[in-house]
Amino acid sequence: MPDAPHGTVVVDRVDCDHVVRTFHATGDISPLHATATGHSVLAHLSRAELDAVIARGLRSYSASTPVDAARLRSELARVRAEGYAVNRNQYRPGVCAIAAPVLDADGTPLAAVAVSMPDSRYDESRLPEWGRMVADTAAEITQRRSGV
């Protein structure tokens, strides 16, 4: 598993009550460059740290996985500007997610908050609402951690 040392790990989850849903077991490891949680983390790393991730290679998991460094950097700039990351079939076909980072006091990413769903339930028109929801939740956790 080449991505394991440099991936995100599921530490907790809350399941929805939809019959058709995505599933991520606690302990699952996902590649940073191919997931919304990973993008939310990568967007807040230093340039040197990001360069190191890219230097290890960007493996393709689907036709929409960002495997080009310039494309990934462009997406991470969007994540920083909008406050949340989007993954539409980049890692697992048929799975979409929106995520935002939980940051330390110095801006270092510690974790991410995400909502995932089957592609069949993804609605582009709701993206701003979902993005704001995960970004606000991550920001609240960040503030609680810092005691603000």
N, C-alpha and C. Protein backbone atom coordinates (compact mmCIF):
# COMPACT_ATOMS: atom_id res chain seq x y z
N MET A 1 0.85 -1.18 0.00
CA MET A 1 0.00 0.00 0.00
C MET A 1 0.90 1.24 0.00
N PRO A 2 1.33 1.73 -1.14
CA PRO A 2 2.28 2.83 -1.20
C PRO A 2 1.76 4.15 -0.66
N ASP A 3 0.47 4.37 -0.63
CA ASP A 3 -0.07 5.64 -0.16
C ASP A 3 -0.28 5.67 1.35
N ALA A 4 -0.18 4.53 2.00
CA ALA A 4 -0.51 4.45 3.42
C ALA A 4 0.23 5.45 4.29
N PRO A 5 1.55 5.62 4.17
CA PRO A 5 2.22 6.55 5.07
C PRO A 5 1.87 8.01 4.80
N HIS A 6 1.27 8.29 3.66
CA HIS A 6 1.00 9.67 3.28
C HIS A 6 -0.47 9.85 2.89
N GLY A 7 -1.34 9.26 3.68
CA GLY A 7 -2.76 9.34 3.38
C GLY A 7 -3.53 9.85 4.57
N THR A 8 -4.84 9.94 4.38
CA THR A 8 -5.72 10.30 5.49
C THR A 8 -6.30 9.01 6.06
N VAL A 9 -6.54 9.02 7.36
CA VAL A 9 -7.06 7.85 8.06
C VAL A 9 -8.42 8.20 8.64
N VAL A 10 -9.40 7.36 8.42
CA VAL A 10 -10.72 7.56 9.01
C VAL A 10 -10.62 7.24 10.50
N VAL A 11 -10.94 8.22 11.35
CA VAL A 11 -10.90 7.99 12.79
C VAL A 11 -12.29 7.93 13.41
N ASP A 12 -13.29 8.43 12.70
CA ASP A 12 -14.67 8.35 13.19
C ASP A 12 -15.59 8.65 12.02
N ARG A 13 -16.82 8.23 12.13
CA ARG A 13 -17.81 8.51 11.10
C ARG A 13 -19.20 8.44 11.69
N VAL A 14 -20.13 9.07 11.01
CA VAL A 14 -21.54 9.01 11.37
C VAL A 14 -22.25 8.57 10.11
N ASP A 15 -22.99 7.48 10.19
CA ASP A 15 -23.69 6.96 9.02
C ASP A 15 -25.04 7.65 8.86
N CYS A 16 -25.45 7.79 7.62
CA CYS A 16 -26.77 8.35 7.32
C CYS A 16 -27.79 7.21 7.31
N ASP A 17 -29.05 7.56 7.13
CA ASP A 17 -30.08 6.53 7.12
C ASP A 17 -30.54 6.17 5.70
N HIS A 18 -29.84 6.66 4.68
CA HIS A 18 -30.17 6.28 3.30
C HIS A 18 -29.80 4.81 3.08
N VAL A 19 -30.61 4.13 2.31
CA VAL A 19 -30.32 2.72 2.01
C VAL A 19 -29.03 2.62 1.18
N VAL A 20 -28.90 3.47 0.18
CA VAL A 20 -27.68 3.51 -0.63
C VAL A 20 -26.80 4.60 -0.07
N ARG A 21 -25.60 4.24 0.38
CA ARG A 21 -24.69 5.20 1.00
C ARG A 21 -23.25 4.76 0.79
N THR A 22 -22.35 5.66 1.09
CA THR A 22 -20.94 5.30 1.03
C THR A 22 -20.53 4.72 2.37
N PHE A 23 -19.45 3.97 2.37
CA PHE A 23 -18.98 3.39 3.61
C PHE A 23 -17.47 3.51 3.69
N HIS A 24 -16.98 3.99 4.81
CA HIS A 24 -15.55 4.11 5.07
C HIS A 24 -15.33 3.56 6.47
N ALA A 25 -14.67 2.44 6.57
CA ALA A 25 -14.43 1.83 7.87
C ALA A 25 -13.40 2.63 8.66
N THR A 26 -13.58 2.68 9.96
CA THR A 26 -12.58 3.29 10.82
C THR A 26 -11.25 2.60 10.57
N GLY A 27 -10.22 3.40 10.35
CA GLY A 27 -8.91 2.86 10.04
C GLY A 27 -8.59 2.83 8.56
N ASP A 28 -9.59 3.02 7.70
CA ASP A 28 -9.33 3.08 6.25
C ASP A 28 -8.34 4.20 5.96
N ILE A 29 -7.44 3.95 5.03
CA ILE A 29 -6.45 4.94 4.62
C ILE A 29 -6.69 5.29 3.16
N SER A 30 -6.75 6.58 2.87
CA SER A 30 -7.00 7.06 1.51
C SER A 30 -5.87 7.99 1.07
N PRO A 31 -5.53 7.99 -0.20
CA PRO A 31 -4.44 8.84 -0.69
C PRO A 31 -4.78 10.32 -0.63
N LEU A 32 -3.81 11.12 -0.25
CA LEU A 32 -4.01 12.56 -0.11
C LEU A 32 -4.45 13.23 -1.41
N HIS A 33 -3.84 12.87 -2.52
CA HIS A 33 -4.09 13.59 -3.78
C HIS A 33 -5.38 13.21 -4.48
N ALA A 34 -6.08 12.17 -3.98
CA ALA A 34 -7.25 11.67 -4.70
C ALA A 34 -8.54 11.76 -3.90
N THR A 35 -8.53 12.48 -2.78
CA THR A 35 -9.71 12.56 -1.93
C THR A 35 -9.96 13.99 -1.47
N ALA A 36 -11.19 14.27 -1.11
CA ALA A 36 -11.52 15.61 -0.59
C ALA A 36 -10.81 15.85 0.74
N THR A 37 -10.78 14.86 1.62
CA THR A 37 -10.07 15.06 2.89
C THR A 37 -8.59 15.32 2.64
N GLY A 38 -8.02 14.56 1.72
CA GLY A 38 -6.62 14.77 1.37
C GLY A 38 -6.36 16.14 0.80
N HIS A 39 -7.23 16.59 -0.09
CA HIS A 39 -7.05 17.93 -0.69
C HIS A 39 -7.17 19.02 0.37
N SER A 40 -8.07 18.83 1.34
CA SER A 40 -8.20 19.85 2.38
C SER A 40 -6.94 19.94 3.24
N VAL A 41 -6.26 18.81 3.41
CA VAL A 41 -4.99 18.80 4.14
C VAL A 41 -3.87 19.36 3.27
N LEU A 42 -3.74 18.85 2.04
CA LEU A 42 -2.67 19.30 1.15
C LEU A 42 -2.70 20.80 0.91
N ALA A 43 -3.88 21.37 0.86
CA ALA A 43 -4.03 22.80 0.58
C ALA A 43 -3.40 23.66 1.66
N HIS A 44 -3.16 23.09 2.83
CA HIS A 44 -2.61 23.86 3.95
C HIS A 44 -1.21 23.43 4.36
N LEU A 45 -0.57 22.62 3.53
CA LEU A 45 0.82 22.26 3.78
C LEU A 45 1.74 23.33 3.20
N SER A 46 2.97 23.34 3.67
CA SER A 46 3.96 24.25 3.09
C SER A 46 4.27 23.79 1.66
N ARG A 47 4.86 24.68 0.89
CA ARG A 47 5.22 24.33 -0.48
C ARG A 47 6.18 23.13 -0.49
N ALA A 48 7.15 23.11 0.43
CA ALA A 48 8.11 22.01 0.49
C ALA A 48 7.41 20.69 0.81
N GLU A 49 6.47 20.72 1.73
CA GLU A 49 5.74 19.50 2.08
C GLU A 49 4.91 19.00 0.90
N LEU A 50 4.25 19.94 0.22
CA LEU A 50 3.47 19.56 -0.96
C LEU A 50 4.37 19.02 -2.06
N ASP A 51 5.49 19.67 -2.29
CA ASP A 51 6.45 19.19 -3.29
C ASP A 51 6.89 17.76 -2.98
N ALA A 52 7.08 17.44 -1.72
CA ALA A 52 7.49 16.08 -1.33
C ALA A 52 6.40 15.07 -1.65
N VAL A 53 5.15 15.43 -1.41
CA VAL A 53 4.03 14.53 -1.74
C VAL A 53 3.99 14.30 -3.25
N ILE A 54 4.09 15.37 -4.01
CA ILE A 54 4.04 15.26 -5.47
C ILE A 54 5.22 14.45 -5.99
N ALA A 55 6.39 14.62 -5.40
CA ALA A 55 7.59 13.90 -5.84
C ALA A 55 7.45 12.39 -5.68
N ARG A 56 6.64 11.95 -4.73
CA ARG A 56 6.41 10.51 -4.53
C ARG A 56 5.56 9.92 -5.65
N GLY A 57 4.92 10.79 -6.43
CA GLY A 57 4.08 10.33 -7.53
C GLY A 57 2.61 10.45 -7.20
N LEU A 58 1.83 10.72 -8.21
CA LEU A 58 0.38 10.88 -8.07
C LEU A 58 -0.30 9.75 -8.84
N ARG A 59 -0.57 8.69 -8.14
CA ARG A 59 -1.16 7.49 -8.74
C ARG A 59 -2.60 7.75 -9.20
N SER A 60 -2.96 7.21 -10.32
CA SER A 60 -4.32 7.33 -10.84
C SER A 60 -5.20 6.22 -10.26
N TYR A 61 -6.37 6.60 -9.77
CA TYR A 61 -7.35 5.64 -9.27
C TYR A 61 -8.58 5.62 -10.17
N SER A 62 -8.77 6.69 -10.94
CA SER A 62 -9.89 6.79 -11.88
C SER A 62 -9.52 7.83 -12.93
N ALA A 63 -10.38 7.99 -13.91
CA ALA A 63 -10.12 8.97 -14.96
C ALA A 63 -10.09 10.40 -14.42
N SER A 64 -10.69 10.65 -13.27
CA SER A 64 -10.74 12.01 -12.74
C SER A 64 -9.73 12.28 -11.62
N THR A 65 -8.88 11.30 -11.29
CA THR A 65 -7.84 11.51 -10.28
C THR A 65 -6.84 12.55 -10.79
N PRO A 66 -6.54 13.58 -10.00
CA PRO A 66 -5.53 14.55 -10.43
C PRO A 66 -4.12 13.93 -10.33
N VAL A 67 -3.53 13.61 -11.47
CA VAL A 67 -2.20 13.02 -11.50
C VAL A 67 -1.17 13.99 -12.06
N ASP A 68 -1.62 15.14 -12.51
CA ASP A 68 -0.74 16.19 -13.02
C ASP A 68 -0.50 17.19 -11.89
N ALA A 69 0.76 17.49 -11.59
CA ALA A 69 1.10 18.39 -10.49
C ALA A 69 0.45 19.76 -10.65
N ALA A 70 0.44 20.30 -11.87
CA ALA A 70 -0.16 21.62 -12.09
C ALA A 70 -1.66 21.60 -11.82
N ARG A 71 -2.32 20.54 -12.24
CA ARG A 71 -3.78 20.42 -11.99
C ARG A 71 -4.05 20.32 -10.49
N LEU A 72 -3.24 19.53 -9.80
CA LEU A 72 -3.41 19.40 -8.35
C LEU A 72 -3.18 20.73 -7.66
N ARG A 73 -2.11 21.43 -8.01
CA ARG A 73 -1.82 22.73 -7.39
C ARG A 73 -2.96 23.73 -7.65
N SER A 74 -3.52 23.71 -8.83
CA SER A 74 -4.64 24.59 -9.16
C SER A 74 -5.85 24.27 -8.29
N GLU A 75 -6.14 22.99 -8.13
CA GLU A 75 -7.25 22.57 -7.28
C GLU A 75 -7.02 22.98 -5.83
N LEU A 76 -5.79 22.85 -5.35
CA LEU A 76 -5.50 23.22 -3.96
C LEU A 76 -5.62 24.72 -3.75
N ALA A 77 -5.31 25.52 -4.75
CA ALA A 77 -5.51 26.97 -4.66
C ALA A 77 -7.00 27.27 -4.53
N ARG A 78 -7.84 26.53 -5.28
CA ARG A 78 -9.29 26.71 -5.18
C ARG A 78 -9.77 26.32 -3.79
N VAL A 79 -9.23 25.25 -3.25
CA VAL A 79 -9.61 24.80 -1.90
C VAL A 79 -9.30 25.89 -0.88
N ARG A 80 -8.11 26.48 -0.96
CA ARG A 80 -7.75 27.56 -0.03
C ARG A 80 -8.69 28.75 -0.19
N ALA A 81 -9.04 29.09 -1.40
CA ALA A 81 -9.90 30.26 -1.66
C ALA A 81 -11.33 30.02 -1.19
N GLU A 82 -11.87 28.82 -1.43
CA GLU A 82 -13.27 28.54 -1.11
C GLU A 82 -13.47 27.93 0.27
N GLY A 83 -12.41 27.36 0.83
CA GLY A 83 -12.51 26.81 2.18
C GLY A 83 -12.90 25.36 2.26
N TYR A 84 -13.12 24.71 1.12
CA TYR A 84 -13.48 23.30 1.14
C TYR A 84 -13.00 22.61 -0.14
N ALA A 85 -12.84 21.30 -0.05
CA ALA A 85 -12.39 20.47 -1.17
C ALA A 85 -13.54 19.62 -1.67
N VAL A 86 -13.47 19.26 -2.95
CA VAL A 86 -14.49 18.43 -3.57
C VAL A 86 -13.81 17.26 -4.27
N ASN A 87 -14.36 16.08 -4.08
CA ASN A 87 -13.89 14.88 -4.77
C ASN A 87 -15.10 14.28 -5.47
N ARG A 88 -15.04 14.24 -6.76
CA ARG A 88 -16.12 13.60 -7.51
C ARG A 88 -15.51 12.45 -8.30
N ASN A 89 -15.61 11.26 -7.75
CA ASN A 89 -15.14 10.04 -8.40
C ASN A 89 -13.63 10.00 -8.62
N GLN A 90 -12.86 10.72 -7.83
CA GLN A 90 -11.41 10.75 -8.04
C GLN A 90 -10.69 9.54 -7.45
N TYR A 91 -11.23 9.00 -6.39
CA TYR A 91 -10.59 7.85 -5.74
C TYR A 91 -11.40 6.58 -5.99
N ARG A 92 -12.62 6.60 -5.55
CA ARG A 92 -13.51 5.46 -5.75
C ARG A 92 -14.62 5.87 -6.72
N PRO A 93 -14.73 5.20 -7.85
CA PRO A 93 -15.81 5.53 -8.79
C PRO A 93 -17.17 5.44 -8.10
N GLY A 94 -18.00 6.42 -8.37
CA GLY A 94 -19.34 6.44 -7.78
C GLY A 94 -19.42 7.09 -6.42
N VAL A 95 -18.28 7.59 -5.90
CA VAL A 95 -18.26 8.20 -4.57
C VAL A 95 -17.80 9.66 -4.68
N CYS A 96 -18.57 10.53 -4.06
CA CYS A 96 -18.25 11.97 -4.02
C CYS A 96 -18.11 12.40 -2.57
N ALA A 97 -17.33 13.46 -2.35
CA ALA A 97 -17.16 13.97 -0.99
C ALA A 97 -16.82 15.45 -1.02
N ILE A 98 -17.16 16.12 0.05
CA ILE A 98 -16.81 17.51 0.28
C ILE A 98 -16.15 17.54 1.65
N ALA A 99 -14.99 18.22 1.78
CA ALA A 99 -14.25 18.21 3.05
C ALA A 99 -13.62 19.56 3.32
N ALA A 100 -13.38 19.83 4.59
CA ALA A 100 -12.68 21.05 5.03
C ALA A 100 -11.73 20.68 6.16
N PRO A 101 -10.63 21.42 6.27
CA PRO A 101 -9.61 21.07 7.27
C PRO A 101 -9.89 21.61 8.65
N VAL A 102 -9.45 20.86 9.64
CA VAL A 102 -9.36 21.32 11.03
C VAL A 102 -7.89 21.70 11.18
N LEU A 103 -7.66 22.95 11.60
CA LEU A 103 -6.29 23.48 11.65
C LEU A 103 -5.81 23.71 13.07
N ASP A 104 -4.50 23.62 13.26
CA ASP A 104 -3.87 23.98 14.52
C ASP A 104 -3.77 25.50 14.58
N ALA A 105 -3.34 26.05 15.70
CA ALA A 105 -3.24 27.50 15.87
C ALA A 105 -2.34 28.15 14.83
N ASP A 106 -1.34 27.42 14.34
CA ASP A 106 -0.42 27.99 13.35
C ASP A 106 -0.84 27.69 11.91
N GLY A 107 -2.04 27.10 11.73
CA GLY A 107 -2.54 26.82 10.38
C GLY A 107 -2.16 25.45 9.85
N THR A 108 -1.53 24.63 10.67
CA THR A 108 -1.16 23.27 10.26
C THR A 108 -2.41 22.39 10.26
N PRO A 109 -2.64 21.65 9.17
CA PRO A 109 -3.82 20.77 9.14
C PRO A 109 -3.66 19.59 10.09
N LEU A 110 -4.68 19.35 10.90
CA LEU A 110 -4.66 18.25 11.86
C LEU A 110 -5.62 17.13 11.47
N ALA A 111 -6.72 17.51 10.82
CA ALA A 111 -7.78 16.57 10.49
C ALA A 111 -8.66 17.22 9.43
N ALA A 112 -9.71 16.51 9.07
CA ALA A 112 -10.68 17.07 8.13
C ALA A 112 -12.07 16.58 8.52
N VAL A 113 -13.04 17.39 8.19
CA VAL A 113 -14.45 17.04 8.32
C VAL A 113 -14.95 16.83 6.91
N ALA A 114 -15.68 15.74 6.69
CA ALA A 114 -16.14 15.45 5.33
C ALA A 114 -17.56 14.90 5.32
N VAL A 115 -18.20 15.11 4.20
CA VAL A 115 -19.49 14.49 3.89
C VAL A 115 -19.27 13.73 2.60
N SER A 116 -19.61 12.44 2.61
CA SER A 116 -19.47 11.66 1.38
C SER A 116 -20.83 11.09 1.00
N MET A 117 -20.97 10.82 -0.28
CA MET A 117 -22.26 10.34 -0.80
C MET A 117 -22.03 9.60 -2.11
N PRO A 118 -22.98 8.76 -2.49
CA PRO A 118 -22.89 8.16 -3.81
C PRO A 118 -23.04 9.25 -4.87
N ASP A 119 -22.38 9.07 -6.00
CA ASP A 119 -22.46 10.03 -7.09
C ASP A 119 -23.91 10.27 -7.52
N SER A 120 -24.75 9.27 -7.39
CA SER A 120 -26.15 9.41 -7.79
C SER A 120 -26.90 10.44 -6.94
N ARG A 121 -26.39 10.74 -5.75
CA ARG A 121 -27.03 11.73 -4.87
C ARG A 121 -26.34 13.09 -4.90
N TYR A 122 -25.19 13.15 -5.59
CA TYR A 122 -24.46 14.42 -5.68
C TYR A 122 -25.25 15.40 -6.54
N ASP A 123 -25.46 16.60 -6.02
CA ASP A 123 -26.22 17.64 -6.72
C ASP A 123 -25.35 18.90 -6.76
N GLU A 124 -24.80 19.20 -7.92
CA GLU A 124 -23.89 20.33 -8.10
C GLU A 124 -24.48 21.63 -7.54
N SER A 125 -25.79 21.81 -7.65
CA SER A 125 -26.41 23.05 -7.17
C SER A 125 -26.35 23.18 -5.65
N ARG A 126 -26.16 22.08 -4.94
CA ARG A 126 -26.07 22.12 -3.48
C ARG A 126 -24.64 22.24 -2.97
N LEU A 127 -23.67 22.22 -3.89
CA LEU A 127 -22.27 22.27 -3.48
C LEU A 127 -21.94 23.47 -2.59
N PRO A 128 -22.38 24.69 -2.92
CA PRO A 128 -22.08 25.81 -2.01
C PRO A 128 -22.63 25.59 -0.59
N GLU A 129 -23.81 25.03 -0.49
CA GLU A 129 -24.42 24.75 0.82
C GLU A 129 -23.61 23.68 1.57
N TRP A 130 -23.31 22.58 0.90
CA TRP A 130 -22.54 21.51 1.54
C TRP A 130 -21.13 21.99 1.88
N GLY A 131 -20.52 22.72 0.99
CA GLY A 131 -19.17 23.24 1.23
C GLY A 131 -19.14 24.14 2.45
N ARG A 132 -20.12 25.04 2.54
CA ARG A 132 -20.18 25.93 3.69
C ARG A 132 -20.42 25.14 4.98
N MET A 133 -21.26 24.10 4.90
CA MET A 133 -21.55 23.28 6.08
C MET A 133 -20.28 22.63 6.61
N VAL A 134 -19.51 21.97 5.75
CA VAL A 134 -18.29 21.31 6.24
C VAL A 134 -17.24 22.34 6.66
N ALA A 135 -17.13 23.44 5.93
CA ALA A 135 -16.16 24.48 6.30
C ALA A 135 -16.51 25.10 7.64
N ASP A 136 -17.78 25.38 7.87
CA ASP A 136 -18.21 25.95 9.16
C ASP A 136 -17.97 24.97 10.30
N THR A 137 -18.25 23.69 10.07
CA THR A 137 -18.04 22.68 11.10
C THR A 137 -16.55 22.54 11.43
N ALA A 138 -15.72 22.49 10.40
CA ALA A 138 -14.27 22.40 10.62
C ALA A 138 -13.75 23.64 11.35
N ALA A 139 -14.26 24.81 10.97
CA ALA A 139 -13.84 26.06 11.63
C ALA A 139 -14.26 26.06 13.10
N GLU A 140 -15.44 25.54 13.39
CA GLU A 140 -15.89 25.48 14.79
C GLU A 140 -14.99 24.55 15.61
N ILE A 141 -14.62 23.42 15.05
CA ILE A 141 -13.71 22.50 15.75
C ILE A 141 -12.35 23.17 15.95
N THR A 142 -11.87 23.84 14.92
CA THR A 142 -10.59 24.56 15.02
C THR A 142 -10.65 25.58 16.15
N GLN A 143 -11.73 26.35 16.22
CA GLN A 143 -11.87 27.36 17.27
C GLN A 143 -11.96 26.74 18.65
N ARG A 144 -12.70 25.66 18.78
CA ARG A 144 -12.81 24.99 20.08
C ARG A 144 -11.46 24.46 20.56
N ARG A 145 -10.67 23.95 19.62
CA ARG A 145 -9.34 23.45 19.97
C ARG A 145 -8.45 24.55 20.49
N SER A 146 -8.60 25.75 19.93
CA SER A 146 -7.72 26.85 20.33
C SER A 146 -8.29 27.64 21.51
N GLY A 147 -9.50 27.26 21.95
CA GLY A 147 -10.10 27.91 23.10
C GLY A 147 -10.72 29.27 22.79
N VAL A 148 -10.91 29.56 21.52
CA VAL A 148 -11.50 30.86 21.14
C VAL A 148 -13.00 30.80 21.28
